[in-house]
Amino acid sequence: MNNQYCKVGTVTPITGLSQAASVLEVMHHNFMEKAASVSGKDSQLGEFFNRKAQGIKKVLESL
């Protein structure tokens, strides 16, 4: 019997996809909306969403 290796947990880099820019734009928009919706309720969560959006924006600018 041959050994079989499972690829559970493997990640495909999003920048390797042909539609990476459009996917990243949607993700950036979603994080910005989430940050705006929780800005008055939970400042730490809002900051988290803003940091995620900024990270995605940097990746978008590098494409």
PDB file of N, CA and C in Angstrom:
ATOM      1  N   MET A   1       0.846  -1.170   0.000  1.00  0.00           N
ATOM      2  CA  MET A   1       0.000   0.000   0.000  1.00  0.00           C
ATOM      3  C   MET A   1       0.895   1.237   0.000  1.00  0.00           C
ATOM      4  N   ASN A   2       0.559   2.215  -0.821  1.00  0.00           N
ATOM      5  CA  ASN A   2       1.347   3.440  -0.935  1.00  0.00           C
ATOM      6  C   ASN A   2       0.914   4.459   0.102  1.00  0.00           C
ATOM      7  N   ASN A   3       1.864   5.289   0.534  1.00  0.00           N
ATOM      8  CA  ASN A   3       1.530   6.382   1.442  1.00  0.00           C
ATOM      9  C   ASN A   3       0.778   7.471   0.692  1.00  0.00           C
ATOM     10  N   GLN A   4      -0.194   8.031   1.352  1.00  0.00           N
ATOM     11  CA  GLN A   4      -0.945   9.134   0.760  1.00  0.00           C
ATOM     12  C   GLN A   4      -0.764  10.345   1.653  1.00  0.00           C
ATOM     13  N   TYR A   5      -0.506  11.466   1.046  1.00  0.00           N
ATOM     14  CA  TYR A   5      -0.299  12.694   1.799  1.00  0.00           C
ATOM     15  C   TYR A   5      -1.447  13.658   1.519  1.00  0.00           C
ATOM     16  N   CYS A   6      -2.029  14.113   2.581  1.00  0.00           N
ATOM     17  CA  CYS A   6      -3.172  15.008   2.480  1.00  0.00           C
ATOM     18  C   CYS A   6      -2.680  16.447   2.515  1.00  0.00           C
ATOM     19  N   LYS A   7      -3.318  17.317   1.784  1.00  0.00           N
ATOM     20  CA  LYS A   7      -2.933  18.724   1.734  1.00  0.00           C
ATOM     21  C   LYS A   7      -3.840  19.583   2.601  1.00  0.00           C
ATOM     22  N   VAL A   8      -4.290  19.063   3.697  1.00  0.00           N
ATOM     23  CA  VAL A   8      -5.136  19.821   4.602  1.00  0.00           C
ATOM     24  C   VAL A   8      -4.320  20.959   5.192  1.00  0.00           C
ATOM     25  N   GLY A   9      -4.869  22.140   5.152  1.00  0.00           N
ATOM     26  CA  GLY A   9      -4.199  23.292   5.721  1.00  0.00           C
ATOM     27  C   GLY A   9      -3.279  24.006   4.758  1.00  0.00           C
ATOM     28  N   THR A  10      -3.135  23.500   3.538  1.00  0.00           N
ATOM     29  CA  THR A  10      -2.295  24.199   2.584  1.00  0.00           C
ATOM     30  C   THR A  10      -3.024  25.439   2.097  1.00  0.00           C
ATOM     31  N   VAL A  11      -2.255  26.437   1.771  1.00  0.00           N
ATOM     32  CA  VAL A  11      -2.827  27.721   1.387  1.00  0.00           C
ATOM     33  C   VAL A  11      -2.308  28.102   0.010  1.00  0.00           C
ATOM     34  N   THR A  12      -3.215  28.512  -0.852  1.00  0.00           N
ATOM     35  CA  THR A  12      -2.834  29.037  -2.151  1.00  0.00           C
ATOM     36  C   THR A  12      -2.745  30.552  -2.030  1.00  0.00           C
ATOM     37  N   PRO A  13      -1.609  31.145  -2.325  1.00  0.00           N
ATOM     38  CA  PRO A  13      -1.495  32.602  -2.216  1.00  0.00           C
ATOM     39  C   PRO A  13      -2.494  33.290  -3.131  1.00  0.00           C
ATOM     40  N   ILE A  14      -3.179  34.275  -2.594  1.00  0.00           N
ATOM     41  CA  ILE A  14      -4.207  34.958  -3.373  1.00  0.00           C
ATOM     42  C   ILE A  14      -3.591  35.779  -4.497  1.00  0.00           C
ATOM     43  N   THR A  15      -2.353  36.207  -4.333  1.00  0.00           N
ATOM     44  CA  THR A  15      -1.707  37.000  -5.380  1.00  0.00           C
ATOM     45  C   THR A  15      -1.344  36.153  -6.587  1.00  0.00           C
ATOM     46  N   GLY A  16      -1.416  34.849  -6.475  1.00  0.00           N
ATOM     47  CA  GLY A  16      -1.116  33.972  -7.583  1.00  0.00           C
ATOM     48  C   GLY A  16      -2.312  33.748  -8.496  1.00  0.00           C
ATOM     49  N   LEU A  17      -3.472  34.174  -8.085  1.00  0.00           N
ATOM     50  CA  LEU A  17      -4.677  33.991  -8.883  1.00  0.00           C
ATOM     51  C   LEU A  17      -4.763  35.041  -9.977  1.00  0.00           C
ATOM     52  N   SER A  18      -5.454  34.715 -11.063  1.00  0.00           N
ATOM     53  CA  SER A  18      -5.591  35.663 -12.165  1.00  0.00           C
ATOM     54  C   SER A  18      -6.516  36.825 -11.810  1.00  0.00           C
ATOM     55  N   GLN A  19      -7.432  36.631 -10.878  1.00  0.00           N
ATOM     56  CA  GLN A  19      -8.388  37.673 -10.496  1.00  0.00           C
ATOM     57  C   GLN A  19      -8.054  38.234  -9.121  1.00  0.00           C
ATOM     58  N   ALA A  20      -6.794  38.267  -8.760  1.00  0.00           N
ATOM     59  CA  ALA A  20      -6.385  38.657  -7.413  1.00  0.00           C
ATOM     60  C   ALA A  20      -6.827  40.069  -7.065  1.00  0.00           C
ATOM     61  N   ALA A  21      -6.708  41.002  -7.993  1.00  0.00           N
ATOM     62  CA  ALA A  21      -7.032  42.396  -7.712  1.00  0.00           C
ATOM     63  C   ALA A  21      -8.505  42.559  -7.357  1.00  0.00           C
ATOM     64  N   SER A  22      -9.379  41.922  -8.097  1.00  0.00           N
ATOM     65  CA  SER A  22     -10.807  42.070  -7.831  1.00  0.00           C
ATOM     66  C   SER A  22     -11.190  41.405  -6.509  1.00  0.00           C
ATOM     67  N   VAL A  23     -10.588  40.260  -6.197  1.00  0.00           N
ATOM     68  CA  VAL A  23     -10.867  39.579  -4.932  1.00  0.00           C
ATOM     69  C   VAL A  23     -10.379  40.427  -3.768  1.00  0.00           C
ATOM     70  N   LEU A  24      -9.185  40.996  -3.894  1.00  0.00           N
ATOM     71  CA  LEU A  24      -8.634  41.833  -2.828  1.00  0.00           C
ATOM     72  C   LEU A  24      -9.441  43.112  -2.639  1.00  0.00           C
ATOM     73  N   GLU A  25      -9.949  43.685  -3.729  1.00  0.00           N
ATOM     74  CA  GLU A  25     -10.779  44.886  -3.617  1.00  0.00           C
ATOM     75  C   GLU A  25     -12.053  44.596  -2.839  1.00  0.00           C
ATOM     76  N   VAL A  26     -12.660  43.459  -3.095  1.00  0.00           N
ATOM     77  CA  VAL A  26     -13.876  43.072  -2.376  1.00  0.00           C
ATOM     78  C   VAL A  26     -13.563  42.852  -0.894  1.00  0.00           C
ATOM     79  N   MET A  27     -12.446  42.180  -0.614  1.00  0.00           N
ATOM     80  CA  MET A  27     -12.061  41.948   0.774  1.00  0.00           C
ATOM     81  C   MET A  27     -11.789  43.269   1.492  1.00  0.00           C
ATOM     82  N   HIS A  28     -11.110  44.199   0.822  1.00  0.00           N
ATOM     83  CA  HIS A  28     -10.815  45.511   1.405  1.00  0.00           C
ATOM     84  C   HIS A  28     -12.106  46.249   1.718  1.00  0.00           C
ATOM     85  N   HIS A  29     -13.020  46.240   0.779  1.00  0.00           N
ATOM     86  CA  HIS A  29     -14.318  46.907   0.971  1.00  0.00           C
ATOM     87  C   HIS A  29     -15.079  46.287   2.147  1.00  0.00           C
ATOM     88  N   ASN A  30     -15.070  44.974   2.247  1.00  0.00           N
ATOM     89  CA  ASN A  30     -15.777  44.294   3.336  1.00  0.00           C
ATOM     90  C   ASN A  30     -15.182  44.650   4.696  1.00  0.00           C
ATOM     91  N   PHE A  31     -13.855  44.681   4.798  1.00  0.00           N
ATOM     92  CA  PHE A  31     -13.225  45.039   6.069  1.00  0.00           C
ATOM     93  C   PHE A  31     -13.497  46.490   6.439  1.00  0.00           C
ATOM     94  N   MET A  32     -13.533  47.380   5.444  1.00  0.00           N
ATOM     95  CA  MET A  32     -13.831  48.783   5.733  1.00  0.00           C
ATOM     96  C   MET A  32     -15.271  48.936   6.236  1.00  0.00           C
ATOM     97  N   GLU A  33     -16.204  48.192   5.632  1.00  0.00           N
ATOM     98  CA  GLU A  33     -17.597  48.231   6.092  1.00  0.00           C
ATOM     99  C   GLU A  33     -17.718  47.688   7.513  1.00  0.00           C
ATOM    100  N   LYS A  34     -17.031  46.605   7.796  1.00  0.00           N
ATOM    101  CA  LYS A  34     -17.079  46.027   9.137  1.00  0.00           C
ATOM    102  C   LYS A  34     -16.497  46.992  10.161  1.00  0.00           C
ATOM    103  N   ALA A  35     -15.407  47.663   9.815  1.00  0.00           N
ATOM    104  CA  ALA A  35     -14.779  48.622  10.724  1.00  0.00           C
ATOM    105  C   ALA A  35     -15.728  49.776  11.005  1.00  0.00           C
ATOM    106  N   ALA A  36     -16.437  50.239   9.991  1.00  0.00           N
ATOM    107  CA  ALA A  36     -17.373  51.350  10.171  1.00  0.00           C
ATOM    108  C   ALA A  36     -18.577  50.928  11.003  1.00  0.00           C
ATOM    109  N   SER A  37     -19.008  49.698  10.853  1.00  0.00           N
ATOM    110  CA  SER A  37     -20.205  49.251  11.563  1.00  0.00           C
ATOM    111  C   SER A  37     -19.948  49.023  13.052  1.00  0.00           C
ATOM    112  N   VAL A  38     -18.719  48.712  13.444  1.00  0.00           N
ATOM    113  CA  VAL A  38     -18.424  48.466  14.859  1.00  0.00           C
ATOM    114  C   VAL A  38     -17.640  49.599  15.507  1.00  0.00           C
ATOM    115  N   SER A  39     -17.433  50.694  14.783  1.00  0.00           N
ATOM    116  CA  SER A  39     -16.570  51.760  15.293  1.00  0.00           C
ATOM    117  C   SER A  39     -17.089  52.361  16.596  1.00  0.00           C
ATOM    118  N   GLY A  40     -18.389  52.490  16.767  1.00  0.00           N
ATOM    119  CA  GLY A  40     -18.926  53.067  17.988  1.00  0.00           C
ATOM    120  C   GLY A  40     -19.106  52.057  19.105  1.00  0.00           C
ATOM    121  N   LYS A  41     -19.138  50.789  18.762  1.00  0.00           N
ATOM    122  CA  LYS A  41     -19.431  49.738  19.743  1.00  0.00           C
ATOM    123  C   LYS A  41     -18.171  49.152  20.365  1.00  0.00           C
ATOM    124  N   ASP A  42     -17.238  48.746  19.547  1.00  0.00           N
ATOM    125  CA  ASP A  42     -16.044  48.046  20.025  1.00  0.00           C
ATOM    126  C   ASP A  42     -14.829  48.607  19.293  1.00  0.00           C
ATOM    127  N   SER A  43     -14.066  49.472  19.966  1.00  0.00           N
ATOM    128  CA  SER A  43     -12.954  50.147  19.304  1.00  0.00           C
ATOM    129  C   SER A  43     -11.835  49.177  18.920  1.00  0.00           C
ATOM    130  N   GLN A  44     -11.582  48.148  19.737  1.00  0.00           N
ATOM    131  CA  GLN A  44     -10.512  47.191  19.414  1.00  0.00           C
ATOM    132  C   GLN A  44     -10.857  46.387  18.169  1.00  0.00           C
ATOM    133  N   LEU A  45     -12.094  45.994  18.039  1.00  0.00           N
ATOM    134  CA  LEU A  45     -12.510  45.248  16.855  1.00  0.00           C
ATOM    135  C   LEU A  45     -12.454  46.143  15.622  1.00  0.00           C
ATOM    136  N   GLY A  46     -12.864  47.376  15.765  1.00  0.00           N
ATOM    137  CA  GLY A  46     -12.785  48.326  14.656  1.00  0.00           C
ATOM    138  C   GLY A  46     -11.349  48.547  14.213  1.00  0.00           C
ATOM    139  N   GLU A  47     -10.430  48.660  15.175  1.00  0.00           N
ATOM    140  CA  GLU A  47      -9.011  48.819  14.841  1.00  0.00           C
ATOM    141  C   GLU A  47      -8.476  47.581  14.130  1.00  0.00           C
ATOM    142  N   PHE A  48      -8.922  46.409  14.574  1.00  0.00           N
ATOM    143  CA  PHE A  48      -8.507  45.170  13.933  1.00  0.00           C
ATOM    144  C   PHE A  48      -8.935  45.156  12.468  1.00  0.00           C
ATOM    145  N   PHE A  49     -10.186  45.500  12.204  1.00  0.00           N
ATOM    146  CA  PHE A  49     -10.680  45.525  10.822  1.00  0.00           C
ATOM    147  C   PHE A  49      -9.948  46.577   9.993  1.00  0.00           C
ATOM    148  N   ASN A  50      -9.625  47.722  10.594  1.00  0.00           N
ATOM    149  CA  ASN A  50      -8.873  48.754   9.876  1.00  0.00           C
ATOM    150  C   ASN A  50      -7.472  48.266   9.519  1.00  0.00           C
ATOM    151  N   ARG A  51      -6.816  47.573  10.444  1.00  0.00           N
ATOM    152  CA  ARG A  51      -5.483  47.045  10.154  1.00  0.00           C
ATOM    153  C   ARG A  51      -5.530  46.017   9.028  1.00  0.00           C
ATOM    154  N   LYS A  52      -6.551  45.168   9.048  1.00  0.00           N
ATOM    155  CA  LYS A  52      -6.697  44.171   7.979  1.00  0.00           C
ATOM    156  C   LYS A  52      -6.906  44.865   6.632  1.00  0.00           C
ATOM    157  N   ALA A  53      -7.744  45.906   6.620  1.00  0.00           N
ATOM    158  CA  ALA A  53      -8.005  46.647   5.389  1.00  0.00           C
ATOM    159  C   ALA A  53      -6.739  47.336   4.889  1.00  0.00           C
ATOM    160  N   GLN A  54      -5.944  47.890   5.794  1.00  0.00           N
ATOM    161  CA  GLN A  54      -4.699  48.547   5.399  1.00  0.00           C
ATOM    162  C   GLN A  54      -3.711  47.541   4.815  1.00  0.00           C
ATOM    163  N   GLY A  55      -3.652  46.364   5.403  1.00  0.00           N
ATOM    164  CA  GLY A  55      -2.774  45.320   4.875  1.00  0.00           C
ATOM    165  C   GLY A  55      -3.165  44.899   3.474  1.00  0.00           C
ATOM    166  N   ILE A  56      -4.453  44.762   3.257  1.00  0.00           N
ATOM    167  CA  ILE A  56      -4.941  44.376   1.930  1.00  0.00           C
ATOM    168  C   ILE A  56      -4.674  45.498   0.933  1.00  0.00           C
ATOM    169  N   LYS A  57      -4.827  46.741   1.387  1.00  0.00           N
ATOM    170  CA  LYS A  57      -4.573  47.885   0.500  1.00  0.00           C
ATOM    171  C   LYS A  57      -3.110  47.902   0.058  1.00  0.00           C
ATOM    172  N   LYS A  58      -2.176  47.588   0.971  1.00  0.00           N
ATOM    173  CA  LYS A  58      -0.759  47.542   0.611  1.00  0.00           C
ATOM    174  C   LYS A  58      -0.507  46.466  -0.433  1.00  0.00           C
ATOM    175  N   VAL A  59      -1.145  45.327  -0.288  1.00  0.00           N
ATOM    176  CA  VAL A  59      -0.976  44.245  -1.270  1.00  0.00           C
ATOM    177  C   VAL A  59      -1.539  44.684  -2.617  1.00  0.00           C
ATOM    178  N   LEU A  60      -2.688  45.368  -2.601  1.00  0.00           N
ATOM    179  CA  LEU A  60      -3.289  45.863  -3.835  1.00  0.00           C
ATOM    180  C   LEU A  60      -2.363  46.842  -4.537  1.00  0.00           C
ATOM    181  N   GLU A  61      -1.745  47.717  -3.769  1.00  0.00           N
ATOM    182  CA  GLU A  61      -0.846  48.714  -4.363  1.00  0.00           C
ATOM    183  C   GLU A  61       0.397  48.065  -4.960  1.00  0.00           C
ATOM    184  N   SER A  62       0.805  46.937  -4.435  1.00  0.00           N
ATOM    185  CA  SER A  62       1.996  46.264  -4.948  1.00  0.00           C
ATOM    186  C   SER A  62       1.705  45.441  -6.213  1.00  0.00           C
ATOM    187  N   LEU A  63       0.446  45.212  -6.521  1.00  0.00           N
ATOM    188  CA  LEU A  63       0.111  44.427  -7.724  1.00  0.00           C
ATOM    189  C   LEU A  63       0.271  45.236  -8.980  1.00  0.00           C
TER     190      LEU A  63
END
